[in-house]
Amino acid sequence: MTTDWLPDRGIRRAVLALGAAGVSMIATGAVLEARWLLGIGVWAVITAMTVELVYRP
């Protein structure tokens, strides 16, 4: 079993939190037909993917 480096865990938590927040905003925006909420959700998911790509160990 390998141990994770603590900053890597923090980045992983941040990516998961951003992704989950983005997906929930997209779902809520789709239900409420609020395009601004959809836009924010999409940008949150894009940010999560970018952070994942940049800080991949």
Protein backbone atom coordinates (compact mmCIF):
# COMPACT_ATOMS: atom_id res chain seq x y z
CA MET A 1 0.00 0.00 0.00
CA THR A 2 1.39 3.38 -0.97
CA THR A 3 0.99 6.57 1.00
CA ASP A 4 -0.20 9.69 -0.77
CA TRP A 5 1.66 12.93 -0.50
CA LEU A 6 -0.49 15.38 1.48
CA PRO A 7 -0.62 18.19 -1.13
CA ASP A 8 -1.77 15.64 -3.72
CA ARG A 9 -4.67 14.70 -1.47
CA GLY A 10 -5.61 18.37 -1.12
CA ILE A 11 -5.59 18.88 -4.88
CA ARG A 12 -7.66 15.72 -5.35
CA ARG A 13 -10.22 16.97 -2.81
CA ALA A 14 -10.36 20.35 -4.53
CA VAL A 15 -10.88 18.72 -7.94
CA LEU A 16 -13.62 16.47 -6.58
CA ALA A 17 -15.32 19.38 -4.82
CA LEU A 18 -15.19 21.57 -7.94
CA GLY A 19 -16.47 18.75 -10.11
CA ALA A 20 -19.30 17.88 -7.75
CA ALA A 21 -20.30 21.53 -7.37
CA GLY A 22 -20.21 22.00 -11.14
CA VAL A 23 -22.31 18.92 -11.87
CA SER A 24 -24.88 19.89 -9.24
CA MET A 25 -25.07 23.44 -10.67
CA ILE A 26 -25.54 22.04 -14.17
CA ALA A 27 -28.34 19.75 -12.99
CA THR A 28 -30.03 22.53 -11.03
CA GLY A 29 -29.69 24.96 -13.93
CA ALA A 30 -31.21 22.41 -16.32
CA VAL A 31 -34.18 21.81 -14.01
CA LEU A 32 -34.79 25.51 -13.36
CA GLU A 33 -33.96 26.47 -16.96
CA ALA A 34 -31.44 29.01 -15.68
CA ARG A 35 -28.70 29.46 -18.27
CA TRP A 36 -26.51 31.50 -15.96
CA LEU A 37 -26.43 28.59 -13.49
CA LEU A 38 -25.60 26.18 -16.31
CA GLY A 39 -22.75 28.46 -17.37
CA ILE A 40 -21.28 28.63 -13.89
CA GLY A 41 -21.53 24.85 -13.57
CA VAL A 42 -19.80 24.29 -16.89
CA TRP A 43 -16.98 26.63 -15.93
CA ALA A 44 -16.59 24.86 -12.59
CA VAL A 45 -16.24 21.50 -14.37
CA ILE A 46 -13.76 22.99 -16.85
CA THR A 47 -11.74 24.41 -13.95
CA ALA A 48 -11.74 21.04 -12.19
CA MET A 49 -10.47 19.28 -15.32
CA THR A 50 -7.78 21.94 -15.85
CA VAL A 51 -6.57 21.67 -12.26
CA GLU A 52 -6.47 17.89 -12.60
CA LEU A 53 -4.40 18.12 -15.77
CA VAL A 54 -1.97 20.70 -14.40
CA TYR A 55 -1.39 19.17 -10.97
CA ARG A 56 -1.38 15.51 -11.98
CA PRO A 57 1.44 13.85 -10.01
